[in-house]
C-alpha atoms as a PDB file:
ATOM      1  CA  MET A   1      67.219 101.718 121.073  1.00  0.00           C
ATOM      2  CA  TYR A   2      67.898 100.343 117.612  1.00  0.00           C
ATOM      3  CA  ARG A   3      70.619  98.586 115.599  1.00  0.00           C
ATOM      4  CA  ARG A   4      72.137 100.101 112.462  1.00  0.00           C
ATOM      5  CA  HIS A   5      73.552  97.874 109.704  1.00  0.00           C
ATOM      6  CA  LEU A   6      76.353  99.193 107.490  1.00  0.00           C
ATOM      7  CA  GLN A   7      76.170  98.603 103.747  1.00  0.00           C
ATOM      8  CA  HIS A   8      78.546  99.421 100.907  1.00  0.00           C
ATOM      9  CA  SER A   9      77.672 102.423  98.757  1.00  0.00           C
ATOM     10  CA  ARG A  10      79.248 104.542  96.031  1.00  0.00           C
ATOM     11  CA  VAL A  11      80.023 107.355  98.449  1.00  0.00           C
ATOM     12  CA  LYS A  12      81.210 105.403 101.476  1.00  0.00           C
ATOM     13  CA  ASN A  13      84.183 103.064 101.923  1.00  0.00           C
ATOM     14  CA  LEU A  14      83.877 100.347 104.543  1.00  0.00           C
ATOM     15  CA  PHE A  15      86.819  98.735 106.331  1.00  0.00           C
ATOM     16  CA  LYS A  16      87.065  95.262 107.873  1.00  0.00           C
ATOM     17  CA  PHE A  17      88.987  94.630 111.103  1.00  0.00           C
ATOM     18  CA  ALA A  18      89.557  91.018 112.184  1.00  0.00           C
ATOM     19  CA  SER A  19      89.739  91.050 115.980  1.00  0.00           C
ATOM     20  CA  ALA A  20      91.462  88.113 117.630  1.00  0.00           C
ATOM     21  CA  ARG A  21      90.549  89.606 121.000  1.00  0.00           C
ATOM     22  CA  MET A  22      86.812  89.595 120.255  1.00  0.00           C
ATOM     23  CA  ASN A  23      86.926  86.610 117.868  1.00  0.00           C
ATOM     24  CA  THR A  24      84.975  88.421 115.162  1.00  0.00           C
ATOM     25  CA  VAL A  25      85.349  90.673 112.121  1.00  0.00           C
ATOM     26  CA  PHE A  26      84.158  94.248 112.620  1.00  0.00           C
ATOM     27  CA  THR A  27      82.991  96.632 109.893  1.00  0.00           C
ATOM     28  CA  VAL A  28      83.811 100.331 110.276  1.00  0.00           C
ATOM     29  CA  GLU A  29      83.110 103.397 108.156  1.00  0.00           C
ATOM     30  CA  SER A  30      86.459 105.174 107.987  1.00  0.00           C
ATOM     31  CA  SER A  31      90.196 104.665 108.131  1.00  0.00           C
ATOM     32  CA  LEU A  32      90.226 106.605 111.421  1.00  0.00           C
ATOM     33  CA  GLU A  33      87.754 104.145 112.978  1.00  0.00           C
ATOM     34  CA  PHE A  34      89.875 101.322 111.552  1.00  0.00           C
ATOM     35  CA  ASP A  35      92.971 102.733 113.284  1.00  0.00           C
ATOM     36  CA  THR A  36      90.973 103.080 116.507  1.00  0.00           C
ATOM     37  CA  CYS A  37      90.431  99.315 116.445  1.00  0.00           C
ATOM     38  CA  PHE A  38      94.176  98.740 116.883  1.00  0.00           C
ATOM     39  CA  HIS A  39      94.155 100.753 120.110  1.00  0.00           C
ATOM     40  CA  LEU A  40      91.110  98.919 121.470  1.00  0.00           C
ATOM     41  CA  GLU A  41      92.467  95.522 120.427  1.00  0.00           C
ATOM     42  CA  PHE A  42      95.614  95.852 122.527  1.00  0.00           C
ATOM     43  CA  SER A  43      94.749  98.294 125.312  1.00  0.00           C
ATOM     44  CA  PRO A  44      95.076  96.769 128.821  1.00  0.00           C
ATOM     45  CA  LEU A  45      92.331  99.206 129.892  1.00  0.00           C
ATOM     46  CA  VAL A  46      89.793  97.582 127.563  1.00  0.00           C
ATOM     47  CA  LYS A  47      87.920  94.395 128.435  1.00  0.00           C
ATOM     48  CA  THR A  48      85.672  94.163 125.350  1.00  0.00           C
ATOM     49  CA  PHE A  49      84.601  96.400 122.476  1.00  0.00           C
ATOM     50  CA  GLU A  50      82.210  96.409 119.548  1.00  0.00           C
ATOM     51  CA  THR A  51      81.630  98.617 116.518  1.00  0.00           C
ATOM     52  CA  GLN A  52      78.271 100.097 115.493  1.00  0.00           C
ATOM     53  CA  PRO A  53      76.591  99.214 118.817  1.00  0.00           C
ATOM     54  CA  GLU A  54      72.894  99.527 119.500  1.00  0.00           C
ATOM     55  CA  GLY A  55      71.941 103.141 118.894  1.00  0.00           C
ATOM     56  CA  PHE A  56      69.780 105.470 120.940  1.00  0.00           C
ATOM     57  CA  TYR A  57      67.672 108.612 120.587  1.00  0.00           C
ATOM     58  CA  TYR A  58      68.436 112.144 121.719  1.00  0.00           C
ATOM     59  CA  PHE A  59      66.496 115.418 121.754  1.00  0.00           C
ATOM     60  CA  PHE A  60      67.769 118.564 120.076  1.00  0.00           C
ATOM     61  CA  GLU A  61      65.831 121.824 119.713  1.00  0.00           C
ATOM     62  CA  GLY A  62      62.610 120.053 120.621  1.00  0.00           C
ATOM     63  CA  GLN A  63      62.994 117.232 118.083  1.00  0.00           C
ATOM     64  CA  LYS A  64      63.906 113.552 118.473  1.00  0.00           C
ATOM     65  CA  PHE A  65      66.879 112.195 116.518  1.00  0.00           C
ATOM     66  CA  SER A  66      68.534 108.779 116.225  1.00  0.00           C
ATOM     67  CA  TYR A  67      72.249 108.283 116.827  1.00  0.00           C
ATOM     68  CA  THR A  68      74.659 105.342 116.638  1.00  0.00           C
ATOM     69  CA  PRO A  69      78.098 105.745 118.310  1.00  0.00           C
ATOM     70  CA  ASP A  70      81.122 104.336 116.539  1.00  0.00           C
ATOM     71  CA  PHE A  71      82.085 102.010 119.414  1.00  0.00           C
ATOM     72  CA  ARG A  72      80.810 100.633 122.686  1.00  0.00           C
ATOM     73  CA  VAL A  73      83.618  99.706 125.071  1.00  0.00           C
ATOM     74  CA  ILE A  74      83.696  97.848 128.383  1.00  0.00           C
ATOM     75  CA  ASP A  75      86.752  98.931 130.367  1.00  0.00           C
ATOM     76  CA  CYS A  76      88.936  96.789 132.614  1.00  0.00           C
ATOM     77  CA  ASN A  77      86.661  97.625 135.556  1.00  0.00           C
ATOM     78  CA  SER A  78      83.575  96.408 133.631  1.00  0.00           C
ATOM     79  CA  ARG A  79      82.285  99.963 133.112  1.00  0.00           C
ATOM     80  CA  PRO A  80      80.743 100.713 129.685  1.00  0.00           C
ATOM     81  CA  TYR A  81      81.180 103.812 127.569  1.00  0.00           C
ATOM     82  CA  PHE A  82      80.464 104.896 123.987  1.00  0.00           C
ATOM     83  CA  LEU A  83      83.167 106.238 121.706  1.00  0.00           C
ATOM     84  CA  GLU A  84      82.684 108.726 118.888  1.00  0.00           C
ATOM     85  CA  VAL A  85      85.603 108.995 116.443  1.00  0.00           C
ATOM     86  CA  LYS A  86      85.826 112.190 114.407  1.00  0.00           C
ATOM     87  CA  PRO A  87      88.472 114.110 112.436  1.00  0.00           C
ATOM     88  CA  SER A  88      89.345 117.219 114.426  1.00  0.00           C
ATOM     89  CA  LYS A  89      88.294 119.550 111.596  1.00  0.00           C
ATOM     90  CA  ARG A  90      84.758 118.120 111.711  1.00  0.00           C
ATOM     91  CA  CYS A  91      84.620 118.679 115.472  1.00  0.00           C
ATOM     92  CA  ALA A  92      84.765 122.406 114.788  1.00  0.00           C
ATOM     93  CA  ASP A  93      81.551 122.261 112.781  1.00  0.00           C
ATOM     94  CA  SER A  94      78.854 124.361 114.463  1.00  0.00           C
ATOM     95  CA  ASP A  95      76.143 121.693 114.080  1.00  0.00           C
ATOM     96  CA  PHE A  96      78.373 119.077 115.710  1.00  0.00           C
ATOM     97  CA  LEU A  97      79.254 121.425 118.583  1.00  0.00           C
ATOM     98  CA  LEU A  98      75.577 122.056 119.253  1.00  0.00           C
ATOM     99  CA  ARG A  99      74.372 118.454 118.925  1.00  0.00           C
ATOM    100  CA  PHE A 100      77.155 116.553 120.670  1.00  0.00           C
ATOM    101  CA  PRO A 101      76.257 117.711 124.224  1.00  0.00           C
ATOM    102  CA  ALA A 102      72.671 116.512 123.606  1.00  0.00           C
ATOM    103  CA  LYS A 103      74.024 113.110 122.567  1.00  0.00           C
ATOM    104  CA  GLN A 104      76.238 113.018 125.654  1.00  0.00           C
ATOM    105  CA  GLN A 105      73.249 113.793 127.875  1.00  0.00           C
ATOM    106  CA  ALA A 106      71.236 110.941 126.360  1.00  0.00           C
ATOM    107  CA  ALA A 107      74.185 108.567 126.794  1.00  0.00           C
ATOM    108  CA  PHE A 108      74.616 109.689 130.403  1.00  0.00           C
ATOM    109  CA  GLU A 109      70.989 108.814 131.086  1.00  0.00           C
ATOM    110  CA  LEU A 110      71.710 105.324 129.722  1.00  0.00           C
ATOM    111  CA  GLU A 111      74.621 105.084 132.218  1.00  0.00           C
ATOM    112  CA  CYS A 112      77.061 104.744 129.330  1.00  0.00           C
ATOM    113  CA  PRO A 113      79.070 107.984 128.920  1.00  0.00           C
ATOM    114  CA  LEU A 114      79.894 109.196 125.406  1.00  0.00           C
ATOM    115  CA  ARG A 115      83.527 110.130 124.758  1.00  0.00           C
ATOM    116  CA  LEU A 116      85.074 111.852 121.749  1.00  0.00           C
ATOM    117  CA  VAL A 117      88.472 111.063 120.191  1.00  0.00           C
ATOM    118  CA  THR A 118      90.154 112.483 117.088  1.00  0.00           C
ATOM    119  CA  GLU A 119      93.159 111.648 114.941  1.00  0.00           C
ATOM    120  CA  LYS A 120      95.257 113.593 117.464  1.00  0.00           C
ATOM    121  CA  GLN A 121      94.790 110.723 119.933  1.00  0.00           C
ATOM    122  CA  ILE A 122      94.433 107.850 117.457  1.00  0.00           C
ATOM    123  CA  GLY A 123      97.139 108.591 114.892  1.00  0.00           C
ATOM    124  CA  ILE A 124      99.960 109.381 117.301  1.00  0.00           C
ATOM    125  CA  ASN A 125     103.232 107.618 116.526  1.00  0.00           C
ATOM    126  CA  PRO A 126     105.192 105.539 117.309  1.00  0.00           C
ATOM    127  CA  VAL A 127     102.191 104.065 119.162  1.00  0.00           C
ATOM    128  CA  LEU A 128      99.947 103.366 116.165  1.00  0.00           C
ATOM    129  CA  GLY A 129     102.800 101.971 114.085  1.00  0.00           C
ATOM    130  CA  ASN A 130     103.826  99.641 116.909  1.00  0.00           C
ATOM    131  CA  LEU A 131     100.227  98.475 117.425  1.00  0.00           C
ATOM    132  CA  LYS A 132      99.902  97.656 113.726  1.00  0.00           C
ATOM    133  CA  LEU A 133     103.143  95.714 113.945  1.00  0.00           C
ATOM    134  CA  LEU A 134     101.761  93.779 116.922  1.00  0.00           C
ATOM    135  CA  TYR A 135      98.576  93.050 115.004  1.00  0.00           C
ATOM    136  CA  ARG A 136     100.554  91.520 112.164  1.00  0.00           C
ATOM    137  CA  TYR A 137     101.984  88.913 114.528  1.00  0.00           C
ATOM    138  CA  SER A 138      98.912  88.244 116.693  1.00  0.00           C
ATOM    139  CA  ASP A 139      98.115  84.974 114.938  1.00  0.00           C
ATOM    140  CA  PHE A 140      96.423  81.903 116.350  1.00  0.00           C
ATOM    141  CA  GLN A 141      99.396  79.566 116.179  1.00  0.00           C
ATOM    142  CA  SER A 142     100.374  77.513 119.197  1.00  0.00           C
ATOM    143  CA  ILE A 143     103.392  78.222 121.387  1.00  0.00           C
ATOM    144  CA  THR A 144     106.503  77.112 119.475  1.00  0.00           C
ATOM    145  CA  PRO A 145     109.781  76.023 121.116  1.00  0.00           C
ATOM    146  CA  LEU A 146     111.348  79.449 120.458  1.00  0.00           C
ATOM    147  CA  ARG A 147     108.322  81.235 121.899  1.00  0.00           C
ATOM    148  CA  MET A 148     108.495  79.107 125.009  1.00  0.00           C
ATOM    149  CA  GLN A 149     112.265  79.638 125.267  1.00  0.00           C
ATOM    150  CA  LEU A 150     111.968  83.425 124.984  1.00  0.00           C
ATOM    151  CA  LEU A 151     109.139  83.522 127.490  1.00  0.00           C
ATOM    152  CA  GLU A 152     111.197  81.582 130.036  1.00  0.00           C
ATOM    153  CA  LEU A 153     114.273  83.755 129.396  1.00  0.00           C
ATOM    154  CA  VAL A 154     112.310  86.975 129.907  1.00  0.00           C
ATOM    155  CA  LYS A 155     110.901  85.601 133.155  1.00  0.00           C
ATOM    156  CA  LYS A 156     114.434  84.724 134.278  1.00  0.00           C
ATOM    157  CA  GLU A 157     116.279  87.833 133.079  1.00  0.00           C
ATOM    158  CA  GLY A 158     113.664  90.431 134.027  1.00  0.00           C
ATOM    159  CA  ARG A 159     113.895  93.504 131.799  1.00  0.00           C
ATOM    160  CA  VAL A 160     115.885  92.456 128.736  1.00  0.00           C
ATOM    161  CA  SER A 161     116.484  93.850 125.241  1.00  0.00           C
ATOM    162  CA  LEU A 162     115.726  91.939 122.061  1.00  0.00           C
ATOM    163  CA  SER A 163     119.375  92.142 121.047  1.00  0.00           C
ATOM    164  CA  HIS A 164     120.358  90.383 124.283  1.00  0.00           C
ATOM    165  CA  LEU A 165     117.720  87.728 123.651  1.00  0.00           C
ATOM    166  CA  CYS A 166     119.364  87.138 120.259  1.00  0.00           C
ATOM    167  CA  PHE A 167     122.662  86.577 122.060  1.00  0.00           C
ATOM    168  CA  LEU A 168     121.115  84.219 124.624  1.00  0.00           C
ATOM    169  CA  THR A 169     119.174  82.108 122.121  1.00  0.00           C
ATOM    170  CA  GLY A 170     121.398  82.242 119.051  1.00  0.00           C
ATOM    171  CA  ALA A 171     118.293  83.030 117.004  1.00  0.00           C
ATOM    172  CA  SER A 172     118.286  85.651 114.250  1.00  0.00           C
ATOM    173  CA  PRO A 173     117.001  89.195 114.852  1.00  0.00           C
ATOM    174  CA  GLY A 174     114.033  88.461 112.606  1.00  0.00           C
ATOM    175  CA  GLU A 175     113.090  85.350 114.571  1.00  0.00           C
ATOM    176  CA  VAL A 176     113.428  87.090 117.926  1.00  0.00           C
ATOM    177  CA  THR A 177     111.457  90.140 116.749  1.00  0.00           C
ATOM    178  CA  ALA A 178     108.596  88.044 115.375  1.00  0.00           C
ATOM    179  CA  THR A 179     108.509  85.876 118.504  1.00  0.00           C
ATOM    180  CA  ALA A 180     108.580  88.843 120.878  1.00  0.00           C
ATOM    181  CA  LEU A 181     105.782  90.563 118.960  1.00  0.00           C
ATOM    182  CA  TYR A 182     103.656  87.429 119.172  1.00  0.00           C
ATOM    183  CA  LEU A 183     104.234  87.151 122.945  1.00  0.00           C
ATOM    184  CA  ILE A 184     103.398  90.836 123.465  1.00  0.00           C
ATOM    185  CA  ALA A 185     100.278  90.563 121.313  1.00  0.00           C
ATOM    186  CA  ARG A 186      99.084  87.596 123.370  1.00  0.00           C
ATOM    187  CA  GLY A 187      99.735  89.456 126.622  1.00  0.00           C
ATOM    188  CA  LEU A 188     102.461  87.049 127.788  1.00  0.00           C
ATOM    189  CA  ILE A 189     105.205  89.677 128.017  1.00  0.00           C
ATOM    190  CA  LYS A 190     105.194  93.492 128.218  1.00  0.00           C
ATOM    191  CA  SER A 191     106.962  96.328 126.412  1.00  0.00           C
ATOM    192  CA  ASN A 192     106.773 100.120 126.201  1.00  0.00           C
ATOM    193  CA  LEU A 193     105.329 100.851 122.763  1.00  0.00           C
ATOM    194  CA  THR A 194     104.737 104.566 123.257  1.00  0.00           C
ATOM    195  CA  GLU A 195     108.252 106.053 123.224  1.00  0.00           C
ATOM    196  CA  GLN A 196     110.116 104.487 120.297  1.00  0.00           C
ATOM    197  CA  LEU A 197     109.672 102.287 117.265  1.00  0.00           C
ATOM    198  CA  PHE A 198     109.931  98.574 117.943  1.00  0.00           C
ATOM    199  CA  SER A 199     113.543  97.488 117.296  1.00  0.00           C
ATOM    200  CA  MET A 200     116.351  95.307 118.629  1.00  0.00           C
ATOM    201  CA  ALA A 201     116.945  97.953 121.322  1.00  0.00           C
ATOM    202  CA  THR A 202     113.396  97.471 122.645  1.00  0.00           C
ATOM    203  CA  CYS A 203     113.179  95.944 126.111  1.00  0.00           C
ATOM    204  CA  VAL A 204     110.597  93.403 127.219  1.00  0.00           C
ATOM    205  CA  TRP A 205     109.622  92.013 130.614  1.00  0.00           C
ATOM    206  CA  VAL A 206     107.031  90.010 132.501  1.00  0.00           C
ATOM    207  CA  ASP A 207     104.856  91.630 135.177  1.00  0.00           C
END
């Protein structure tokens, strides 16, 4: 096992992702890995995650090679797995197709399965757009009076739209939207972010 350290170069762009969930700033090697961070940051199926985890060795055609996955994730059931993020066109490369099973076998022996995702899973909208919107409002500020009021109203009303929350509170659409996004980002209320763009018609609720 070994640890790889990313450094800037003329041929490689690095991206920084500030994770409130993990209380750290991660460095990733591509915009696709950067977008993956949004999914991991807000997924209820993820307990913890890290980028550029400790690497391992695998054997291919009788030779030993080093490999560092893009992510190591601990799921909600405390089970670890590695994540490799690749553009789908690169997954069709013959060398990748031959080597990846060898990497998966080595990961399996470490009791940490290796999974592959592409832009087809990561870049799907409206999910990614909604997650980026959530990220924008996942600040570290304390609960304000409006945040507390909306939280109590959602608990009381059950499933309720943002437009109805505007009516109940007298607050502006912008204030209600920002407050709802903060509460969702902090896990205090729920919403379906997979079917439509976040808007005043969006409904929220508390489990």
